[in-house]
Amino acid sequence: MDGRFSPSRAIHFPTAGNRSPLDSELRSPYSDEYSISVDRDLGGVLTVSMAYVRKDGTDYIGWAEVGGQYRQDTRTLPDGSTLPVQVLTSATSTRRFALTNPEGYSLTYNGLVTTFERRAIQGWRALGSYTYSRASGLQVSSGPAAAGEQLSTLTSSGVFGRDPNDLHNARGRLANDRPHMFRTMGSVDVPRTGLVVAGNLRYFSGKPWAASTQVSLPQGNRRVLLEPPGSRRLSSQSLVDLRVSKTFRFGNMQRLELMMDLLNVFNDTAEEALVTDNRFSPTFGQPNVFMSPRRVMLGARLDVGR
């Protein structure tokens, strides 16, 4: 079926014949956020808290195609399945892109954060947090590669939304969606040695991604998502870092601190990027960027006082 592809609301330009890409009724993005928390002090040694956070964002600014004529069609994929596509039926010169508030661009975040802190008593302290969350919606950065960033504003090179096929399956988990995040750290003063041992543990769910394909269309080759973002995830990441330090004092003012940091103690090799998310490529889903390996760093800090 032929028809003009555009947002559901009309796009208005300042004057007749004006080729400016700005919609004269462009609205500023809007966010509505609230939180509620409960805190509890347990005996003056341990404090715990729990907070719920909700954020809704609307009226994000993005591109929309308002000039070209398109019709619904399908393309047969290498596995025999069919993919619905929007095919340009008018001349390429008729394509016109407008900066507007595209229908459906939004963000929803729900997060439940639990924290605890054990105050520094008897030579040791600890604190940590666990977050269970969900970030979903449709933005100008929706459907990126696995290593893509989450952006709510257009960059100078941003073209998402200029072709209607960009929006196919694009609504889903956003790039920074990490359902589970756990952090804890602590430190211990080793008696009669002057040593301080500190540790830091961080666990994150892997970043979301989705399979895509490349489709040849009259308007050019297009990357089209085959499933919503978040249908697949990179491996989760677990990072354990340790520090051992000792302080030497010289007189009343001078102090020398020697430090040794052991990073990524268990040498987690979780992937951070993929060669391609094209499901029909022989390198589909293969990792090509990994977390930094285990390493040791030595440092010194001299405090000469006033």
Protein backbone atom coordinates (compact mmCIF):
# COMPACT_ATOMS: atom_id res chain seq x y z
CA MET A 1 0.00 0.00 0.00
CA ASP A 2 1.47 3.35 -1.06
CA GLY A 3 1.58 6.24 1.34
CA ARG A 4 3.68 8.96 2.89
CA PHE A 5 5.59 7.87 5.98
CA SER A 6 5.51 10.47 8.74
CA PRO A 7 4.74 10.84 12.45
CA SER A 8 1.06 10.66 13.35
CA ARG A 9 0.92 14.39 14.03
CA ALA A 10 1.41 16.93 11.25
CA ILE A 11 4.80 18.61 10.91
CA HIS A 12 4.71 22.36 10.37
CA PHE A 13 7.40 24.52 8.83
CA PRO A 14 7.77 28.27 9.45
CA THR A 15 6.97 29.48 5.93
CA ALA A 16 5.73 27.98 2.70
CA GLY A 17 8.58 26.46 0.73
CA ASN A 18 11.00 26.75 3.63
CA ARG A 19 13.49 23.86 3.43
CA SER A 20 14.51 24.16 7.11
CA PRO A 21 14.55 20.72 8.80
CA LEU A 22 13.07 22.16 12.01
CA ASP A 23 9.43 21.59 12.88
CA SER A 24 8.02 24.99 13.92
CA GLU A 25 6.04 23.25 16.69
CA LEU A 26 9.07 21.43 18.07
CA ARG A 27 8.71 20.76 21.81
CA SER A 28 11.47 20.45 24.42
CA PRO A 29 12.01 16.96 25.81
CA TYR A 30 10.20 16.37 29.08
CA SER A 31 11.13 14.15 32.04
CA ASP A 32 9.08 13.23 35.07
CA GLU A 33 11.04 11.58 37.88
CA TYR A 34 10.26 10.67 41.45
CA SER A 35 11.69 8.45 44.18
CA ILE A 36 10.77 7.18 47.61
CA SER A 37 13.22 5.78 50.15
CA VAL A 38 13.35 4.22 53.61
CA ASP A 39 16.45 4.37 55.84
CA ARG A 40 17.19 2.45 59.02
CA ASP A 41 20.04 2.71 61.55
CA LEU A 42 20.73 -0.61 63.26
CA GLY A 43 22.51 -0.10 66.54
CA GLY A 44 24.77 2.71 65.38
CA VAL A 45 26.99 0.27 63.50
CA LEU A 46 25.01 -0.75 60.42
CA THR A 47 22.71 1.38 58.26
CA VAL A 48 20.50 0.06 55.51
CA SER A 49 18.27 1.83 53.02
CA MET A 50 15.94 1.02 50.16
CA ALA A 51 14.80 3.38 47.42
CA TYR A 52 12.48 3.08 44.45
CA VAL A 53 13.16 5.36 41.45
CA ARG A 54 10.85 5.96 38.48
CA LYS A 55 11.59 8.13 35.45
CA ASP A 56 9.44 8.78 32.38
CA GLY A 57 10.73 10.79 29.44
CA THR A 58 8.77 11.99 26.41
CA ASP A 59 8.96 14.46 23.51
CA TYR A 60 12.47 13.43 22.51
CA ILE A 61 13.78 15.08 19.34
CA GLY A 62 14.63 12.94 16.33
CA TRP A 63 14.47 12.65 12.57
CA ALA A 64 11.35 11.82 10.57
CA GLU A 65 10.95 11.21 6.84
CA VAL A 66 8.28 13.61 5.53
CA GLY A 67 8.90 13.74 1.79
CA GLY A 68 9.34 10.32 0.21
CA GLN A 69 6.58 7.90 -0.73
CA TYR A 70 6.79 4.36 0.64
CA ARG A 71 4.86 1.13 0.38
CA GLN A 72 4.79 -1.94 2.57
CA ASP A 73 6.66 -4.91 1.11
CA THR A 74 8.60 -7.97 2.24
CA ARG A 75 12.03 -9.39 1.66
CA THR A 76 13.01 -13.06 1.84
CA LEU A 77 15.93 -13.73 4.16
CA PRO A 78 18.62 -16.42 3.72
CA ASP A 79 16.84 -18.75 6.15
CA GLY A 80 13.61 -18.57 4.12
CA SER A 81 11.72 -16.29 6.51
CA THR A 82 10.22 -13.00 5.36
CA LEU A 83 10.86 -9.53 6.73
CA PRO A 84 8.39 -6.64 6.37
CA VAL A 85 10.05 -3.52 4.96
CA GLN A 86 9.18 -0.03 3.77
CA VAL A 87 10.21 0.45 0.13
CA LEU A 88 10.76 3.90 -1.41
CA THR A 89 8.52 4.30 -4.45
CA SER A 90 9.22 7.96 -5.26
CA ALA A 91 12.44 9.50 -6.56
CA THR A 92 15.30 9.71 -4.10
CA SER A 93 15.26 13.50 -4.52
CA THR A 94 11.79 13.64 -2.91
CA ARG A 95 13.11 12.45 0.43
CA ARG A 96 12.96 15.14 3.07
CA PHE A 97 13.93 14.84 6.71
CA ALA A 98 12.57 16.90 9.58
CA LEU A 99 13.74 17.39 13.14
CA THR A 100 10.62 16.92 15.20
CA ASN A 101 9.13 15.02 18.15
CA PRO A 102 8.54 11.64 16.51
CA GLU A 103 5.56 9.72 17.78
CA GLY A 104 6.44 7.09 20.36
CA TYR A 105 9.93 8.28 21.31
CA SER A 106 10.07 7.78 25.07
CA LEU A 107 12.00 6.37 28.02
CA THR A 108 10.83 4.49 31.09
CA TYR A 109 13.13 3.59 33.97
CA ASN A 110 12.21 1.62 37.07
CA GLY A 111 14.85 0.91 39.68
CA LEU A 112 14.93 -0.57 43.18
CA VAL A 113 18.15 0.23 45.06
CA THR A 114 19.20 -1.39 48.34
CA THR A 115 22.30 -0.13 50.16
CA PHE A 116 24.11 -0.95 53.38
CA GLU A 117 27.03 0.54 55.27
CA ARG A 118 29.01 -0.87 58.16
CA ARG A 119 30.82 1.99 59.86
CA ALA A 120 34.56 1.89 60.56
CA ILE A 121 34.68 0.12 63.93
CA GLN A 122 37.36 -2.26 65.22
CA GLY A 123 39.54 -1.58 62.21
CA TRP A 124 37.24 -2.50 59.34
CA ARG A 125 34.35 -1.07 57.37
CA ALA A 126 32.18 -2.14 54.44
CA LEU A 127 29.49 -0.75 52.21
CA GLY A 128 27.58 -2.00 49.21
CA SER A 129 24.50 -1.75 47.05
CA TYR A 130 22.27 -3.88 44.86
CA THR A 131 20.12 -2.41 42.07
CA TYR A 132 17.36 -4.18 40.20
CA SER A 133 16.22 -2.06 37.27
CA ARG A 134 14.71 -1.88 33.81
CA ALA A 135 15.31 0.83 31.18
CA SER A 136 13.22 0.59 28.03
CA GLY A 137 11.79 2.77 25.31
CA LEU A 138 12.58 4.23 21.92
CA GLN A 139 15.25 6.87 21.41
CA VAL A 140 17.62 8.14 18.73
CA SER A 141 20.18 5.60 19.96
CA SER A 142 17.80 2.63 19.90
CA GLY A 143 18.93 -0.59 18.25
CA PRO A 144 22.69 0.10 18.28
CA ALA A 145 25.42 -2.48 18.12
CA ALA A 146 26.22 -4.28 21.37
CA ALA A 147 28.87 -1.70 22.30
CA GLY A 148 26.66 1.28 21.44
CA GLU A 149 25.93 4.20 23.73
CA GLN A 150 22.56 5.25 25.11
CA LEU A 151 21.78 8.79 23.95
CA SER A 152 18.61 10.82 24.20
CA THR A 153 19.83 13.68 22.00
CA LEU A 154 20.98 13.67 18.40
CA THR A 155 24.66 13.84 17.57
CA SER A 156 26.09 15.54 14.50
CA SER A 157 26.35 12.14 12.80
CA GLY A 158 23.01 10.77 13.99
CA VAL A 159 20.71 9.56 11.20
CA PHE A 160 18.44 7.13 13.09
CA GLY A 161 14.82 7.59 11.99
CA ARG A 162 15.53 9.04 8.56
CA ASP A 163 14.45 5.76 7.04
CA PRO A 164 11.23 4.13 8.31
CA ASN A 165 12.95 0.76 8.44
CA ASP A 166 15.09 2.09 11.30
CA LEU A 167 12.03 1.84 13.53
CA HIS A 168 11.30 -1.82 12.87
CA ASN A 169 11.67 -3.67 16.21
CA ALA A 170 13.56 -0.66 17.61
CA ARG A 171 11.51 -0.32 20.81
CA GLY A 172 12.94 -2.40 23.63
CA ARG A 173 15.67 -2.38 26.25
CA LEU A 174 17.95 0.64 26.04
CA ALA A 175 21.73 0.39 25.73
CA ASN A 176 22.40 1.13 29.43
CA ASP A 177 19.84 -1.40 30.68
CA ARG A 178 21.54 -3.54 33.32
CA PRO A 179 18.87 -5.48 35.27
CA HIS A 180 21.26 -6.53 38.04
CA MET A 181 24.05 -4.40 39.49
CA PHE A 182 25.87 -5.28 42.70
CA ARG A 183 28.69 -3.31 44.27
CA THR A 184 30.49 -3.82 47.56
CA MET A 185 33.73 -2.53 49.00
CA GLY A 186 35.51 -2.78 52.31
CA SER A 187 38.80 -2.16 54.05
CA VAL A 188 40.68 -3.74 56.95
CA ASP A 189 43.53 -2.39 59.07
CA VAL A 190 45.89 -5.34 59.60
CA PRO A 191 46.94 -5.24 63.30
CA ARG A 192 50.56 -4.43 64.16
CA THR A 193 51.66 -4.10 60.51
CA GLY A 194 50.42 -0.71 59.40
CA LEU A 195 48.97 -2.36 56.31
CA VAL A 196 45.52 -1.52 54.99
CA VAL A 197 43.85 -4.06 52.70
CA ALA A 198 40.87 -2.88 50.65
CA GLY A 199 38.69 -4.71 48.16
CA ASN A 200 36.05 -3.78 45.62
CA LEU A 201 33.59 -6.18 43.96
CA ARG A 202 31.34 -5.13 41.07
CA TYR A 203 28.86 -7.27 39.18
CA PHE A 204 26.81 -6.09 36.18
CA SER A 205 24.38 -7.81 33.84
CA GLY A 206 25.62 -7.80 30.25
CA LYS A 207 24.53 -5.06 27.85
CA PRO A 208 21.49 -5.77 25.66
CA TRP A 209 21.64 -6.34 21.91
CA ALA A 210 19.60 -7.85 19.10
CA ALA A 211 20.13 -9.68 15.83
CA SER A 212 19.86 -7.67 12.62
CA THR A 213 20.20 -8.14 8.89
CA GLN A 214 21.20 -6.08 5.86
CA VAL A 215 18.47 -5.56 3.26
CA SER A 216 18.90 -4.09 -0.23
CA LEU A 217 16.17 -1.51 -0.94
CA PRO A 218 15.69 1.23 -3.57
CA GLN A 219 16.82 3.79 -0.96
CA GLY A 220 20.03 1.80 -0.35
CA ASN A 221 21.25 -0.99 1.89
CA ARG A 222 19.56 -0.83 5.25
CA ARG A 223 20.30 -2.45 8.60
CA VAL A 224 17.02 -3.77 10.00
CA LEU A 225 16.50 -5.33 13.42
CA LEU A 226 15.08 -8.83 13.44
CA GLU A 227 14.11 -8.71 17.12
CA PRO A 228 13.69 -6.05 19.84
CA PRO A 229 16.80 -4.81 21.68
CA GLY A 230 17.38 -6.89 24.79
CA SER A 231 16.44 -10.17 23.13
CA ARG A 232 20.11 -11.08 23.65
CA ARG A 233 22.76 -9.95 26.11
CA LEU A 234 26.51 -9.88 26.39
CA SER A 235 28.03 -11.91 29.21
CA SER A 236 27.72 -10.50 32.71
CA GLN A 237 30.80 -8.83 34.17
CA SER A 238 32.37 -9.55 37.57
CA LEU A 239 35.27 -7.35 38.65
CA VAL A 240 37.28 -7.83 41.84
CA ASP A 241 39.99 -5.28 42.64
CA LEU A 242 42.33 -5.31 45.65
CA ARG A 243 44.64 -2.69 47.15
CA VAL A 244 47.34 -3.10 49.77
CA SER A 245 48.86 0.07 51.18
CA LYS A 246 51.25 1.11 53.94
CA THR A 247 51.97 4.57 55.26
CA PHE A 248 55.35 5.75 56.56
CA ARG A 249 55.57 8.93 58.61
CA PHE A 250 58.59 11.24 58.78
CA GLY A 251 58.33 13.79 61.51
CA ASN A 252 55.04 15.52 62.18
CA MET A 253 54.22 16.65 58.65
CA GLN A 254 55.67 14.34 56.02
CA ARG A 255 54.00 11.09 55.03
CA LEU A 256 54.76 8.52 52.33
CA GLU A 257 52.12 6.02 51.23
CA LEU A 258 53.07 3.01 49.11
CA MET A 259 50.27 1.22 47.22
CA MET A 260 49.87 -1.95 45.19
CA ASP A 261 46.67 -2.44 43.19
CA LEU A 262 45.66 -5.79 41.75
CA LEU A 263 42.91 -5.20 39.20
CA ASN A 264 40.51 -7.81 37.82
CA VAL A 265 41.84 -10.39 40.28
CA PHE A 266 40.02 -13.35 38.72
CA ASN A 267 40.83 -12.24 35.16
CA ASP A 268 37.22 -12.02 33.96
CA THR A 269 37.22 -12.09 30.15
CA ALA A 270 33.62 -11.05 29.45
CA GLU A 271 33.11 -9.53 26.00
CA GLU A 272 32.25 -5.86 25.52
CA ALA A 273 31.64 -5.76 21.75
CA LEU A 274 30.86 -8.09 18.84
CA VAL A 275 32.23 -8.40 15.32
CA THR A 276 28.69 -8.11 13.93
CA ASP A 277 25.07 -8.59 14.93
CA ASN A 278 24.10 -9.55 11.37
CA ARG A 279 22.49 -12.94 11.93
CA PHE A 280 23.45 -14.19 8.48
CA SER A 281 27.14 -13.31 8.74
CA PRO A 282 29.63 -16.12 9.52
CA THR A 283 30.98 -13.94 12.37
CA PHE A 284 27.54 -13.32 13.93
CA GLY A 285 27.75 -12.83 17.69
CA GLN A 286 31.51 -13.39 17.87
CA PRO A 287 33.22 -11.15 20.46
CA ASN A 288 36.09 -8.90 19.44
CA VAL A 289 36.58 -6.58 22.44
CA PHE A 290 37.07 -7.87 25.97
CA MET A 291 37.48 -6.52 29.47
CA SER A 292 40.97 -5.42 30.44
CA PRO A 293 42.93 -8.43 31.81
CA ARG A 294 44.38 -8.91 35.27
CA ARG A 295 47.10 -6.38 35.98
CA VAL A 296 49.19 -4.95 38.84
CA MET A 297 49.80 -1.26 39.43
CA LEU A 298 52.34 0.17 41.88
CA GLY A 299 52.07 3.67 43.22
CA ALA A 300 53.43 6.09 45.77
CA ARG A 301 52.04 9.27 47.30
CA LEU A 302 54.13 11.77 49.23
CA ASP A 303 52.44 14.27 51.53
CA VAL A 304 54.87 17.01 52.60
CA GLY A 305 52.31 18.90 54.66
CA ARG A 306 52.13 22.65 54.64
